[in-house]
PDB file of all heavy atoms in Angstrom:
ATOM      1  N   VAL A   1      38.716   5.453   8.118  1.00  0.00           N
ATOM      2  CA  VAL A   1      38.681   6.415   7.006  1.00  0.00           C
ATOM      3  C   VAL A   1      39.672   5.958   5.930  1.00  0.00           C
ATOM      4  O   VAL A   1      40.879   5.961   6.145  1.00  0.00           O
ATOM      5  CB  VAL A   1      39.009   7.843   7.481  1.00  0.00           C
ATOM      6  CG1 VAL A   1      39.049   8.809   6.297  1.00  0.00           C
ATOM      7  CG2 VAL A   1      38.012   8.293   8.531  1.00  0.00           C
ATOM      8  N   ILE A   2      39.126   5.580   4.776  1.00  0.00           N
ATOM      9  CA  ILE A   2      39.947   5.082   3.672  1.00  0.00           C
ATOM     10  C   ILE A   2      40.148   6.216   2.664  1.00  0.00           C
ATOM     11  O   ILE A   2      39.191   6.663   2.029  1.00  0.00           O
ATOM     12  CB  ILE A   2      39.272   3.876   2.990  1.00  0.00           C
ATOM     13  CG1 ILE A   2      39.053   2.759   4.018  1.00  0.00           C
ATOM     14  CG2 ILE A   2      40.113   3.393   1.809  1.00  0.00           C
ATOM     15  CD1 ILE A   2      38.170   1.633   3.519  1.00  0.00           C
ATOM     16  N   PRO A   3      41.379   6.682   2.517  1.00  0.00           N
ATOM     17  CA  PRO A   3      41.627   7.775   1.564  1.00  0.00           C
ATOM     18  C   PRO A   3      41.620   7.250   0.126  1.00  0.00           C
ATOM     19  O   PRO A   3      41.843   6.060  -0.103  1.00  0.00           O
ATOM     20  CB  PRO A   3      43.024   8.259   1.957  1.00  0.00           C
ATOM     21  CG  PRO A   3      43.681   7.046   2.524  1.00  0.00           C
ATOM     22  CD  PRO A   3      42.599   6.263   3.198  1.00  0.00           C
ATOM     23  N   PRO A   4      41.400   8.125  -0.838  1.00  0.00           N
ATOM     24  CA  PRO A   4      41.525   7.698  -2.241  1.00  0.00           C
ATOM     25  C   PRO A   4      42.955   7.223  -2.496  1.00  0.00           C
ATOM     26  O   PRO A   4      43.920   7.852  -2.046  1.00  0.00           O
ATOM     27  CB  PRO A   4      41.229   8.969  -3.040  1.00  0.00           C
ATOM     28  CG  PRO A   4      40.545   9.893  -2.084  1.00  0.00           C
ATOM     29  CD  PRO A   4      41.027   9.530  -0.721  1.00  0.00           C
ATOM     30  N   GLN A   5      43.086   6.111  -3.195  1.00  0.00           N
ATOM     31  CA  GLN A   5      44.423   5.565  -3.448  1.00  0.00           C
ATOM     32  C   GLN A   5      45.338   6.555  -4.150  1.00  0.00           C
ATOM     33  O   GLN A   5      46.525   6.615  -3.857  1.00  0.00           O
ATOM     34  CB  GLN A   5      44.334   4.280  -4.269  1.00  0.00           C
ATOM     35  CG  GLN A   5      44.017   3.078  -3.429  1.00  0.00           C
ATOM     36  CD  GLN A   5      44.356   1.808  -4.156  1.00  0.00           C
ATOM     37  OE1 GLN A   5      44.192   1.707  -5.366  1.00  0.00           O
ATOM     38  NE2 GLN A   5      44.823   0.836  -3.416  1.00  0.00           N
ATOM     39  N   LYS A   6      44.786   7.338  -5.059  1.00  0.00           N
ATOM     40  CA  LYS A   6      45.616   8.290  -5.796  1.00  0.00           C
ATOM     41  C   LYS A   6      46.198   9.370  -4.899  1.00  0.00           C
ATOM     42  O   LYS A   6      47.187  10.006  -5.245  1.00  0.00           O
ATOM     43  CB  LYS A   6      44.814   8.917  -6.932  1.00  0.00           C
ATOM     44  CG  LYS A   6      44.520   7.955  -8.048  1.00  0.00           C
ATOM     45  CD  LYS A   6      43.753   8.607  -9.167  1.00  0.00           C
ATOM     46  CE  LYS A   6      43.491   7.599 -10.270  1.00  0.00           C
ATOM     47  NZ  LYS A   6      42.762   8.182 -11.377  1.00  0.00           N
ATOM     48  N   SER A   7      45.600   9.592  -3.729  1.00  0.00           N
ATOM     49  CA  SER A   7      46.104  10.619  -2.820  1.00  0.00           C
ATOM     50  C   SER A   7      47.227  10.099  -1.921  1.00  0.00           C
ATOM     51  O   SER A   7      47.881  10.880  -1.238  1.00  0.00           O
ATOM     52  CB  SER A   7      44.967  11.156  -1.938  1.00  0.00           C
ATOM     53  OG  SER A   7      44.574  10.181  -0.983  1.00  0.00           O
ATOM     54  N   MET A   8      47.440   8.788  -1.931  1.00  0.00           N
ATOM     55  CA  MET A   8      48.471   8.209  -1.059  1.00  0.00           C
ATOM     56  C   MET A   8      49.839   8.292  -1.725  1.00  0.00           C
ATOM     57  O   MET A   8      49.967   8.219  -2.946  1.00  0.00           O
ATOM     58  CB  MET A   8      48.108   6.771  -0.701  1.00  0.00           C
ATOM     59  CG  MET A   8      46.809   6.690   0.097  1.00  0.00           C
ATOM     60  SD  MET A   8      46.338   5.018   0.556  1.00  0.00           S
ATOM     61  CE  MET A   8      47.462   4.742   1.934  1.00  0.00           C
ATOM     62  N   GLU A   9      50.866   8.452  -0.899  1.00  0.00           N
ATOM     63  CA  GLU A   9      52.240   8.635  -1.373  1.00  0.00           C
ATOM     64  C   GLU A   9      53.074   7.392  -1.076  1.00  0.00           C
ATOM     65  O   GLU A   9      52.995   6.836   0.020  1.00  0.00           O
ATOM     66  CB  GLU A   9      52.831   9.838  -0.649  1.00  0.00           C
ATOM     67  CG  GLU A   9      54.273  10.094  -0.903  1.00  0.00           C
ATOM     68  CD  GLU A   9      54.814  11.229  -0.031  1.00  0.00           C
ATOM     69  OE1 GLU A   9      54.040  12.135   0.327  1.00  0.00           O
ATOM     70  OE2 GLU A   9      56.007  11.187   0.311  1.00  0.00           O
ATOM     71  N   ARG A  10      53.884   6.986  -2.049  1.00  0.00           N
ATOM     72  CA  ARG A  10      54.800   5.860  -1.832  1.00  0.00           C
ATOM     73  C   ARG A  10      55.867   6.299  -0.845  1.00  0.00           C
ATOM     74  O   ARG A  10      56.525   7.324  -1.042  1.00  0.00           O
ATOM     75  CB  ARG A  10      55.440   5.430  -3.146  1.00  0.00           C
ATOM     76  CG  ARG A  10      56.345   4.222  -2.992  1.00  0.00           C
ATOM     77  CD  ARG A  10      57.072   3.913  -4.313  1.00  0.00           C
ATOM     78  NE  ARG A  10      58.039   2.866  -4.147  1.00  0.00           N
ATOM     79  CZ  ARG A  10      59.257   2.997  -3.621  1.00  0.00           C
ATOM     80  NH1 ARG A  10      59.669   4.188  -3.205  1.00  0.00           N
ATOM     81  NH2 ARG A  10      60.073   1.976  -3.490  1.00  0.00           N
ATOM     82  N   ILE A  11      56.044   5.520   0.238  1.00  0.00           N
ATOM     83  CA  ILE A  11      57.039   5.880   1.256  1.00  0.00           C
ATOM     84  C   ILE A  11      58.193   4.877   1.347  1.00  0.00           C
ATOM     85  O   ILE A  11      59.115   5.064   2.128  1.00  0.00           O
ATOM     86  CB  ILE A  11      56.397   6.053   2.651  1.00  0.00           C
ATOM     87  CG1 ILE A  11      55.730   4.769   3.132  1.00  0.00           C
ATOM     88  CG2 ILE A  11      55.435   7.235   2.634  1.00  0.00           C
ATOM     89  CD1 ILE A  11      55.330   4.784   4.599  1.00  0.00           C
ATOM     90  N   GLY A  12      58.132   3.814   0.570  1.00  0.00           N
ATOM     91  CA  GLY A  12      59.203   2.822   0.588  1.00  0.00           C
ATOM     92  C   GLY A  12      58.724   1.504   0.030  1.00  0.00           C
ATOM     93  O   GLY A  12      57.660   1.413  -0.585  1.00  0.00           O
ATOM     94  N   SER A  13      59.532   0.473   0.254  1.00  0.00           N
ATOM     95  CA  SER A  13      59.162  -0.869  -0.187  1.00  0.00           C
ATOM     96  C   SER A  13      59.723  -1.884   0.794  1.00  0.00           C
ATOM     97  O   SER A  13      60.642  -1.588   1.556  1.00  0.00           O
ATOM     98  CB  SER A  13      59.662  -1.143  -1.605  1.00  0.00           C
ATOM     99  OG  SER A  13      61.065  -1.096  -1.639  1.00  0.00           O
ATOM    100  N   ILE A  14      59.121  -3.066   0.773  1.00  0.00           N
ATOM    101  CA  ILE A  14      59.573  -4.157   1.641  1.00  0.00           C
ATOM    102  C   ILE A  14      59.795  -5.396   0.796  1.00  0.00           C
ATOM    103  O   ILE A  14      59.264  -5.520  -0.304  1.00  0.00           O
ATOM    104  CB  ILE A  14      58.554  -4.466   2.760  1.00  0.00           C
ATOM    105  CG1 ILE A  14      57.213  -4.914   2.167  1.00  0.00           C
ATOM    106  CG2 ILE A  14      58.394  -3.282   3.688  1.00  0.00           C
ATOM    107  CD1 ILE A  14      56.284  -5.584   3.155  1.00  0.00           C
ATOM    108  N   GLY A  15      60.555  -6.329   1.349  1.00  0.00           N
ATOM    109  CA  GLY A  15      60.745  -7.630   0.725  1.00  0.00           C
ATOM    110  C   GLY A  15      59.890  -8.664   1.438  1.00  0.00           C
ATOM    111  O   GLY A  15      59.560  -8.511   2.612  1.00  0.00           O
ATOM    112  N   VAL A  16      59.533  -9.697   0.689  1.00  0.00           N
ATOM    113  CA  VAL A  16      58.743 -10.797   1.238  1.00  0.00           C
ATOM    114  C   VAL A  16      59.409 -12.105   0.858  1.00  0.00           C
ATOM    115  O   VAL A  16      59.750 -12.311  -0.307  1.00  0.00           O
ATOM    116  CB  VAL A  16      57.292 -10.753   0.707  1.00  0.00           C
ATOM    117  CG1 VAL A  16      56.523 -11.994   1.105  1.00  0.00           C
ATOM    118  CG2 VAL A  16      56.586  -9.499   1.201  1.00  0.00           C
ATOM    119  N   ASP A  17      59.587 -12.979   1.844  1.00  0.00           N
ATOM    120  CA  ASP A  17      60.219 -14.266   1.611  1.00  0.00           C
ATOM    121  C   ASP A  17      59.384 -15.429   2.145  1.00  0.00           C
ATOM    122  O   ASP A  17      59.622 -16.566   1.789  1.00  0.00           O
ATOM    123  CB  ASP A  17      61.604 -14.282   2.256  1.00  0.00           C
ATOM    124  CG  ASP A  17      62.456 -15.441   1.789  1.00  0.00           C
ATOM    125  OD1 ASP A  17      62.365 -15.809   0.599  1.00  0.00           O
ATOM    126  OD2 ASP A  17      63.197 -15.992   2.608  1.00  0.00           O
ATOM    127  N   ALA A  18      58.401 -15.153   3.005  1.00  0.00           N
ATOM    128  CA  ALA A  18      57.562 -16.213   3.581  1.00  0.00           C
ATOM    129  C   ALA A  18      56.141 -16.167   3.036  1.00  0.00           C
ATOM    130  O   ALA A  18      55.263 -16.858   3.540  1.00  0.00           O
ATOM    131  CB  ALA A  18      57.541 -16.098   5.108  1.00  0.00           C
ATOM    132  N   GLY A  19      55.903 -15.338   2.020  1.00  0.00           N
ATOM    133  CA  GLY A  19      54.564 -15.224   1.456  1.00  0.00           C
ATOM    134  C   GLY A  19      53.584 -14.506   2.363  1.00  0.00           C
ATOM    135  O   GLY A  19      52.381 -14.605   2.193  1.00  0.00           O
ATOM    136  N   LEU A  20      54.105 -13.736   3.347  1.00  0.00           N
ATOM    137  CA  LEU A  20      53.290 -12.995   4.314  1.00  0.00           C
ATOM    138  C   LEU A  20      53.895 -11.610   4.512  1.00  0.00           C
ATOM    139  O   LEU A  20      55.112 -11.443   4.426  1.00  0.00           O
ATOM    140  CB  LEU A  20      53.285 -13.693   5.678  1.00  0.00           C
ATOM    141  CG  LEU A  20      52.805 -15.128   5.758  1.00  0.00           C
ATOM    142  CD1 LEU A  20      53.182 -15.733   7.112  1.00  0.00           C
ATOM    143  CD2 LEU A  20      51.309 -15.193   5.545  1.00  0.00           C
ATOM    144  N   ALA A  21      53.042 -10.630   4.838  1.00  0.00           N
ATOM    145  CA  ALA A  21      53.548  -9.302   5.174  1.00  0.00           C
ATOM    146  C   ALA A  21      52.469  -8.539   5.911  1.00  0.00           C
ATOM    147  O   ALA A  21      51.281  -8.848   5.799  1.00  0.00           O
ATOM    148  CB  ALA A  21      53.969  -8.542   3.924  1.00  0.00           C
ATOM    149  N   GLY A  22      52.898  -7.527   6.682  1.00  0.00           N
ATOM    150  CA  GLY A  22      51.911  -6.727   7.381  1.00  0.00           C
ATOM    151  C   GLY A  22      52.517  -5.674   8.284  1.00  0.00           C
ATOM    152  O   GLY A  22      53.675  -5.276   8.127  1.00  0.00           O
ATOM    153  N   PHE A  23      51.692  -5.275   9.251  1.00  0.00           N
ATOM    154  CA  PHE A  23      51.988  -4.161  10.152  1.00  0.00           C
ATOM    155  C   PHE A  23      52.090  -4.713  11.578  1.00  0.00           C
ATOM    156  O   PHE A  23      51.140  -5.317  12.076  1.00  0.00           O
ATOM    157  CB  PHE A  23      50.865  -3.122  10.062  1.00  0.00           C
ATOM    158  CG  PHE A  23      50.582  -2.702   8.647  1.00  0.00           C
ATOM    159  CD1 PHE A  23      49.576  -3.313   7.905  1.00  0.00           C
ATOM    160  CD2 PHE A  23      51.336  -1.717   8.041  1.00  0.00           C
ATOM    161  CE1 PHE A  23      49.315  -2.941   6.595  1.00  0.00           C
ATOM    162  CE2 PHE A  23      51.088  -1.338   6.720  1.00  0.00           C
ATOM    163  CZ  PHE A  23      50.075  -1.955   5.998  1.00  0.00           C
ATOM    164  N   PHE A  24      53.221  -4.482  12.230  1.00  0.00           N
ATOM    165  CA  PHE A  24      53.497  -5.117  13.515  1.00  0.00           C
ATOM    166  C   PHE A  24      53.845  -4.091  14.584  1.00  0.00           C
ATOM    167  O   PHE A  24      54.458  -3.066  14.292  1.00  0.00           O
ATOM    168  CB  PHE A  24      54.654  -6.109  13.368  1.00  0.00           C
ATOM    169  CG  PHE A  24      54.333  -7.249  12.446  1.00  0.00           C
ATOM    170  CD1 PHE A  24      54.549  -7.146  11.083  1.00  0.00           C
ATOM    171  CD2 PHE A  24      53.793  -8.421  12.945  1.00  0.00           C
ATOM    172  CE1 PHE A  24      54.238  -8.183  10.222  1.00  0.00           C
ATOM    173  CE2 PHE A  24      53.481  -9.478  12.105  1.00  0.00           C
ATOM    174  CZ  PHE A  24      53.707  -9.352  10.737  1.00  0.00           C
ATOM    175  N   HIS A  25      53.507  -4.431  15.831  1.00  0.00           N
ATOM    176  CA  HIS A  25      53.907  -3.658  17.005  1.00  0.00           C
ATOM    177  C   HIS A  25      55.307  -4.112  17.395  1.00  0.00           C
ATOM    178  O   HIS A  25      55.460  -5.190  17.968  1.00  0.00           O
ATOM    179  CB  HIS A  25      52.996  -3.943  18.208  1.00  0.00           C
ATOM    180  CG  HIS A  25      51.547  -3.735  17.960  1.00  0.00           C
ATOM    181  ND1 HIS A  25      50.989  -2.489  17.854  1.00  0.00           N
ATOM    182  CD2 HIS A  25      50.537  -4.622  17.798  1.00  0.00           C
ATOM    183  CE1 HIS A  25      49.698  -2.620  17.660  1.00  0.00           C
ATOM    184  NE2 HIS A  25      49.396  -3.901  17.610  1.00  0.00           N
ATOM    185  N   ASN A  26      56.332  -3.351  17.061  1.00  0.00           N
ATOM    186  CA  ASN A  26      57.693  -3.682  17.464  1.00  0.00           C
ATOM    187  C   ASN A  26      57.972  -5.176  17.275  1.00  0.00           C
ATOM    188  O   ASN A  26      58.252  -5.901  18.220  1.00  0.00           O
ATOM    189  CB  ASN A  26      57.918  -3.258  18.920  1.00  0.00           C
ATOM    190  CG  ASN A  26      59.379  -3.246  19.274  1.00  0.00           C
ATOM    191  OD1 ASN A  26      60.244  -3.111  18.416  1.00  0.00           O
ATOM    192  ND2 ASN A  26      59.662  -3.407  20.553  1.00  0.00           N
ATOM    193  N   LYS A  27      57.896  -5.650  16.038  1.00  0.00           N
ATOM    194  CA  LYS A  27      58.006  -7.076  15.741  1.00  0.00           C
ATOM    195  C   LYS A  27      59.306  -7.668  16.271  1.00  0.00           C
ATOM    196  O   LYS A  27      60.380  -7.193  15.957  1.00  0.00           O
ATOM    197  CB  LYS A  27      57.893  -7.335  14.240  1.00  0.00           C
ATOM    198  CG  LYS A  27      57.668  -8.818  13.945  1.00  0.00           C
ATOM    199  CD  LYS A  27      58.360  -9.168  12.676  1.00  0.00           C
ATOM    200  CE  LYS A  27      59.158 -10.368  12.578  1.00  0.00           C
ATOM    201  NZ  LYS A  27      60.145 -10.832  13.405  1.00  0.00           N
ATOM    202  N   PRO A  28      59.186  -8.697  17.116  1.00  0.00           N
ATOM    203  CA  PRO A  28      60.387  -9.313  17.680  1.00  0.00           C
ATOM    204  C   PRO A  28      61.085 -10.224  16.670  1.00  0.00           C
ATOM    205  O   PRO A  28      60.473 -10.685  15.711  1.00  0.00           O
ATOM    206  CB  PRO A  28      59.837 -10.139  18.846  1.00  0.00           C
ATOM    207  CG  PRO A  28      58.466 -10.531  18.390  1.00  0.00           C
ATOM    208  CD  PRO A  28      57.963  -9.337  17.599  1.00  0.00           C
ATOM    209  N   ASP A  29      62.356 -10.483  16.920  1.00  0.00           N
ATOM    210  CA  ASP A  29      63.060 -11.518  16.178  1.00  0.00           C
ATOM    211  C   ASP A  29      62.623 -12.853  16.774  1.00  0.00           C
ATOM    212  O   ASP A  29      62.555 -12.998  17.999  1.00  0.00           O
ATOM    213  CB  ASP A  29      64.576 -11.359  16.326  1.00  0.00           C
ATOM    214  CG  ASP A  29      65.093 -10.075  15.674  1.00  0.00           C
ATOM    215  OD1 ASP A  29      64.344  -9.435  14.916  1.00  0.00           O
ATOM    216  OD2 ASP A  29      66.252  -9.724  15.937  1.00  0.00           O
ATOM    217  N   PHE A  30      62.305 -13.835  15.933  1.00  0.00           N
ATOM    218  CA  PHE A  30      61.827 -15.132  16.394  1.00  0.00           C
ATOM    219  C   PHE A  30      62.960 -16.141  16.493  1.00  0.00           C
ATOM    220  O   PHE A  30      63.835 -16.182  15.623  1.00  0.00           O
ATOM    221  CB  PHE A  30      60.784 -15.703  15.424  1.00  0.00           C
ATOM    222  CG  PHE A  30      59.491 -14.954  15.366  1.00  0.00           C
ATOM    223  CD1 PHE A  30      58.983 -14.540  14.150  1.00  0.00           C
ATOM    224  CD2 PHE A  30      58.761 -14.685  16.508  1.00  0.00           C
ATOM    225  CE1 PHE A  30      57.766 -13.864  14.070  1.00  0.00           C
ATOM    226  CE2 PHE A  30      57.551 -14.006  16.451  1.00  0.00           C
ATOM    227  CZ  PHE A  30      57.053 -13.600  15.224  1.00  0.00           C
TER     228      PHE A  30
END
C-alpha cells in the first residue's frame, strides 16, 4: 500500500558517504 507522498511526514534525515542507503534489520558494524 503506497500512500500519497503529500500525506507522508518527514521524520528525520540521514547522511550518505558510500553512494548507497536503505532499510536494514539491525545493521551490523562491518
